[in-house]
């Protein structure tokens, strides 16, 4: 029994079609991807910023309570 994710299948199909357009030439594929990336309008399709990492200091209230119960 195997489950095939339709989204994964679609991504694989698009990737296969893109590679076939360039006769599976890796350098041509990468050049095309870089060209389309450079042509992207950030105002219309902004990339998401990475999430902020919050640092939990060892002297926070949660840590003090956790260690106080031991």
N, C-alpha and C. Protein backbone atom coordinates (compact mmCIF):
# COMPACT_ATOMS: atom_id res chain seq x y z
N UNK A 1 0.85 -1.18 0.00
CA UNK A 1 0.00 0.00 0.00
C UNK A 1 0.89 1.24 0.00
N UNK A 2 0.71 2.09 -0.99
CA UNK A 2 1.51 3.30 -1.02
C UNK A 2 0.61 4.49 -1.32
N UNK A 3 0.92 5.58 -0.70
CA UNK A 3 0.17 6.81 -0.88
C UNK A 3 1.01 7.75 -1.71
N UNK A 4 0.43 8.29 -2.76
CA UNK A 4 1.14 9.25 -3.60
C UNK A 4 0.49 10.62 -3.41
N UNK A 5 1.28 11.55 -2.94
CA UNK A 5 0.80 12.90 -2.69
C UNK A 5 0.64 13.62 -4.03
N UNK A 6 -0.55 14.17 -4.32
CA UNK A 6 -0.76 14.83 -5.60
C UNK A 6 0.11 16.09 -5.78
N UNK A 7 0.42 16.76 -4.70
CA UNK A 7 1.27 17.95 -4.80
C UNK A 7 2.69 17.54 -5.18
N UNK A 8 3.19 16.48 -4.56
CA UNK A 8 4.53 15.99 -4.89
C UNK A 8 4.57 15.54 -6.34
N UNK A 9 3.52 14.86 -6.79
CA UNK A 9 3.46 14.40 -8.18
C UNK A 9 3.47 15.59 -9.15
N UNK A 10 2.74 16.65 -8.81
CA UNK A 10 2.70 17.84 -9.67
C UNK A 10 4.07 18.51 -9.74
N UNK A 11 4.73 18.63 -8.60
CA UNK A 11 6.06 19.25 -8.57
C UNK A 11 7.04 18.43 -9.42
N UNK A 12 6.98 17.11 -9.29
CA UNK A 12 7.86 16.25 -10.08
C UNK A 12 7.58 16.38 -11.56
N UNK A 13 6.31 16.49 -11.93
CA UNK A 13 5.96 16.64 -13.34
C UNK A 13 6.47 17.96 -13.90
N UNK A 14 6.30 19.03 -13.16
CA UNK A 14 6.78 20.35 -13.60
C UNK A 14 8.30 20.32 -13.73
N UNK A 15 8.97 19.72 -12.76
CA UNK A 15 10.43 19.62 -12.81
C UNK A 15 10.89 18.81 -14.02
N UNK A 16 10.20 17.72 -14.29
CA UNK A 16 10.54 16.88 -15.44
C UNK A 16 10.34 17.64 -16.75
N UNK A 17 9.23 18.36 -16.87
CA UNK A 17 8.96 19.13 -18.09
C UNK A 17 10.00 20.25 -18.27
N UNK A 18 10.38 20.89 -17.18
CA UNK A 18 11.38 21.96 -17.25
C UNK A 18 12.73 21.40 -17.69
N UNK A 19 13.12 20.28 -17.13
CA UNK A 19 14.40 19.66 -17.50
C UNK A 19 14.38 19.22 -18.95
N UNK A 20 13.26 18.69 -19.41
CA UNK A 20 13.16 18.23 -20.80
C UNK A 20 13.30 19.40 -21.78
N UNK A 21 12.80 20.58 -21.40
CA UNK A 21 12.93 21.76 -22.28
C UNK A 21 14.39 22.08 -22.57
N UNK A 22 15.28 21.74 -21.65
CA UNK A 22 16.70 22.05 -21.80
C UNK A 22 17.52 20.79 -22.08
N UNK A 23 16.83 19.73 -22.54
CA UNK A 23 17.49 18.47 -22.88
C UNK A 23 18.32 17.94 -21.71
N UNK A 24 17.81 18.18 -20.50
CA UNK A 24 18.42 17.68 -19.26
C UNK A 24 19.84 18.20 -19.04
N UNK A 25 20.15 19.35 -19.64
CA UNK A 25 21.47 19.98 -19.46
C UNK A 25 21.42 20.78 -18.16
N UNK A 26 22.14 20.29 -17.16
CA UNK A 26 22.08 20.88 -15.83
C UNK A 26 22.46 22.36 -15.84
N UNK A 27 23.52 22.71 -16.55
CA UNK A 27 23.96 24.12 -16.57
C UNK A 27 22.91 25.01 -17.22
N UNK A 28 22.24 24.53 -18.26
CA UNK A 28 21.19 25.32 -18.90
C UNK A 28 19.98 25.47 -17.98
N UNK A 29 19.66 24.42 -17.24
CA UNK A 29 18.53 24.48 -16.30
C UNK A 29 18.82 25.51 -15.21
N UNK A 30 20.02 25.47 -14.64
CA UNK A 30 20.39 26.41 -13.59
C UNK A 30 20.41 27.84 -14.12
N UNK A 31 20.93 28.04 -15.33
CA UNK A 31 20.96 29.38 -15.92
C UNK A 31 19.55 29.92 -16.10
N UNK A 32 18.62 29.07 -16.54
CA UNK A 32 17.24 29.49 -16.71
C UNK A 32 16.60 29.85 -15.37
N UNK A 33 16.86 29.04 -14.35
CA UNK A 33 16.31 29.34 -13.02
C UNK A 33 16.86 30.65 -12.46
N UNK A 34 18.16 30.88 -12.67
CA UNK A 34 18.75 32.14 -12.20
C UNK A 34 18.18 33.34 -12.96
N UNK A 35 17.95 33.16 -14.26
CA UNK A 35 17.38 34.24 -15.06
C UNK A 35 15.96 34.56 -14.60
N UNK A 36 15.16 33.54 -14.35
CA UNK A 36 13.79 33.79 -13.91
C UNK A 36 13.77 34.38 -12.50
N UNK A 37 14.74 33.99 -11.67
CA UNK A 37 14.83 34.57 -10.33
C UNK A 37 15.19 36.04 -10.41
N UNK A 38 16.11 36.40 -11.31
CA UNK A 38 16.51 37.80 -11.45
C UNK A 38 15.37 38.65 -12.00
N UNK A 39 14.50 38.05 -12.82
CA UNK A 39 13.40 38.79 -13.43
C UNK A 39 12.20 38.92 -12.48
N UNK A 40 12.22 38.20 -11.37
CA UNK A 40 11.10 38.23 -10.42
C UNK A 40 10.94 39.62 -9.82
N UNK A 41 9.72 40.09 -9.76
CA UNK A 41 9.40 41.38 -9.16
C UNK A 41 9.11 41.18 -7.68
N UNK A 42 10.02 41.62 -6.80
CA UNK A 42 9.81 41.38 -5.36
C UNK A 42 8.54 42.02 -4.82
N UNK A 43 8.07 43.09 -5.46
CA UNK A 43 6.85 43.74 -4.97
C UNK A 43 5.62 42.87 -5.22
N UNK A 44 5.64 42.10 -6.30
CA UNK A 44 4.49 41.26 -6.63
C UNK A 44 4.55 39.90 -5.96
N UNK A 45 5.74 39.41 -5.72
CA UNK A 45 5.87 38.09 -5.09
C UNK A 45 7.03 38.11 -4.10
N UNK A 46 6.82 38.75 -2.96
CA UNK A 46 7.92 38.85 -1.99
C UNK A 46 8.23 37.49 -1.37
N UNK A 47 9.49 37.29 -1.09
CA UNK A 47 9.89 36.09 -0.38
C UNK A 47 9.60 36.28 1.10
N UNK A 48 9.28 35.22 1.77
CA UNK A 48 9.01 35.30 3.19
C UNK A 48 10.31 35.43 3.95
N UNK A 49 10.30 36.28 4.94
CA UNK A 49 11.48 36.43 5.79
C UNK A 49 11.54 35.23 6.74
N UNK A 50 12.73 34.80 7.09
CA UNK A 50 12.82 33.69 8.04
C UNK A 50 12.26 34.12 9.40
N UNK A 51 11.70 33.19 10.14
CA UNK A 51 11.14 33.55 11.44
C UNK A 51 12.23 34.00 12.40
N UNK A 52 11.84 34.90 13.27
CA UNK A 52 12.79 35.37 14.27
C UNK A 52 13.01 34.27 15.31
N UNK A 53 14.24 34.11 15.71
CA UNK A 53 14.57 33.10 16.69
C UNK A 53 14.57 33.76 18.06
N UNK A 54 13.74 33.23 18.94
CA UNK A 54 13.72 33.80 20.29
C UNK A 54 14.65 32.95 21.16
N UNK A 55 15.45 33.63 21.91
CA UNK A 55 16.41 32.96 22.77
C UNK A 55 15.83 32.91 24.18
N UNK A 56 15.76 31.72 24.74
CA UNK A 56 15.27 31.56 26.11
C UNK A 56 16.49 31.56 27.02
N UNK A 57 16.55 32.55 27.86
CA UNK A 57 17.67 32.64 28.78
C UNK A 57 17.46 31.71 29.96
N UNK A 58 18.51 31.14 30.50
CA UNK A 58 18.36 30.19 31.60
C UNK A 58 17.76 30.79 32.86
N UNK A 59 17.79 32.11 33.00
CA UNK A 59 17.24 32.71 34.21
C UNK A 59 15.81 33.21 34.00
N UNK A 60 15.14 32.74 32.94
CA UNK A 60 13.77 33.18 32.71
C UNK A 60 12.85 32.58 33.78
N UNK A 61 11.68 33.11 33.90
CA UNK A 61 10.73 32.67 34.92
C UNK A 61 10.36 31.20 34.72
N UNK A 62 10.22 30.78 33.49
CA UNK A 62 9.88 29.39 33.23
C UNK A 62 10.97 28.47 33.75
N UNK A 63 12.20 28.82 33.52
CA UNK A 63 13.31 27.99 33.97
C UNK A 63 13.37 27.96 35.50
N UNK A 64 13.15 29.10 36.14
CA UNK A 64 13.20 29.14 37.59
C UNK A 64 12.12 28.25 38.20
N UNK A 65 10.91 28.28 37.62
CA UNK A 65 9.82 27.45 38.13
C UNK A 65 10.12 25.99 37.88
N UNK A 66 10.63 25.69 36.71
CA UNK A 66 10.92 24.30 36.38
C UNK A 66 11.94 23.71 37.34
N UNK A 67 12.97 24.46 37.65
CA UNK A 67 14.01 23.93 38.53
C UNK A 67 13.60 23.99 39.99
N UNK A 68 12.67 24.86 40.34
CA UNK A 68 12.24 24.97 41.73
C UNK A 68 11.42 23.76 42.14
N UNK A 69 10.78 23.09 41.21
CA UNK A 69 9.94 21.95 41.53
C UNK A 69 10.72 20.66 41.71
N UNK A 70 11.98 20.67 41.47
CA UNK A 70 12.77 19.43 41.58
C UNK A 70 13.14 19.12 42.99
